[in-house]
Amino acid sequence: MNPAPVWRKLSWLLLIWAASVLALGGVSFLFRLLMQLAGLHSH
């Protein structure tokens, strides 16, 4: 069993990083939307 090439390891790392960033962004967007619907404003 040969080890995976470097580009494949890096692409997995990049994919996981991008997914976590998108998930955090989506959660923060939902929180902001819920707060605006509840009548709380951050500014």
C-alpha atoms as a PDB file:
ATOM      1  CA  MET A   1       0.000   0.000   0.000  1.00  0.00           C
ATOM      2  CA  ASN A   2       1.713   3.174  -1.173  1.00  0.00           C
ATOM      3  CA  PRO A   3       1.203   6.490   0.633  1.00  0.00           C
ATOM      4  CA  ALA A   4      -1.062   9.102  -0.903  1.00  0.00           C
ATOM      5  CA  PRO A   5       0.601  11.849  -2.968  1.00  0.00           C
ATOM      6  CA  VAL A   6       1.235  15.195  -1.350  1.00  0.00           C
ATOM      7  CA  TRP A   7      -1.279  17.078  -3.517  1.00  0.00           C
ATOM      8  CA  ARG A   8      -4.045  14.711  -2.415  1.00  0.00           C
ATOM      9  CA  LYS A   9      -3.233  15.265   1.269  1.00  0.00           C
ATOM     10  CA  LEU A  10      -3.175  19.034   0.727  1.00  0.00           C
ATOM     11  CA  SER A  11      -6.445  18.994  -1.182  1.00  0.00           C
ATOM     12  CA  TRP A  12      -8.127  17.083   1.658  1.00  0.00           C
ATOM     13  CA  LEU A  13      -6.759  19.593   4.164  1.00  0.00           C
ATOM     14  CA  LEU A  14      -7.996  22.500   2.027  1.00  0.00           C
ATOM     15  CA  LEU A  15     -11.416  20.880   1.590  1.00  0.00           C
ATOM     16  CA  ILE A  16     -11.848  20.306   5.333  1.00  0.00           C
ATOM     17  CA  TRP A  17     -10.664  23.865   6.097  1.00  0.00           C
ATOM     18  CA  ALA A  18     -13.073  25.367   3.566  1.00  0.00           C
ATOM     19  CA  ALA A  19     -15.972  23.283   4.912  1.00  0.00           C
ATOM     20  CA  SER A  20     -15.277  24.398   8.492  1.00  0.00           C
ATOM     21  CA  VAL A  21     -15.035  28.059   7.454  1.00  0.00           C
ATOM     22  CA  LEU A  22     -18.314  27.808   5.540  1.00  0.00           C
ATOM     23  CA  ALA A  23     -20.001  26.075   8.472  1.00  0.00           C
ATOM     24  CA  LEU A  24     -18.851  28.772  10.909  1.00  0.00           C
ATOM     25  CA  GLY A  25     -19.980  31.485   8.524  1.00  0.00           C
ATOM     26  CA  GLY A  26     -23.380  29.864   8.124  1.00  0.00           C
ATOM     27  CA  VAL A  27     -23.836  29.525  11.889  1.00  0.00           C
ATOM     28  CA  SER A  28     -22.870  33.159  12.526  1.00  0.00           C
ATOM     29  CA  PHE A  29     -25.220  34.286   9.740  1.00  0.00           C
ATOM     30  CA  LEU A  30     -28.072  32.295  11.286  1.00  0.00           C
ATOM     31  CA  PHE A  31     -27.368  33.766  14.719  1.00  0.00           C
ATOM     32  CA  ARG A  32     -27.376  37.283  13.299  1.00  0.00           C
ATOM     33  CA  LEU A  33     -30.634  36.600  11.456  1.00  0.00           C
ATOM     34  CA  LEU A  34     -32.276  35.208  14.597  1.00  0.00           C
ATOM     35  CA  MET A  35     -31.136  38.188  16.644  1.00  0.00           C
ATOM     36  CA  GLN A  36     -32.515  40.624  14.068  1.00  0.00           C
ATOM     37  CA  LEU A  37     -35.812  38.760  14.037  1.00  0.00           C
ATOM     38  CA  ALA A  38     -35.889  38.952  17.855  1.00  0.00           C
ATOM     39  CA  GLY A  39     -35.331  42.708  17.680  1.00  0.00           C
ATOM     40  CA  LEU A  40     -31.717  42.785  18.921  1.00  0.00           C
ATOM     41  CA  HIS A  41     -29.275  44.806  16.834  1.00  0.00           C
ATOM     42  CA  SER A  42     -25.498  44.696  17.132  1.00  0.00           C
ATOM     43  CA  HIS A  43     -25.056  48.397  16.269  1.00  0.00           C
END
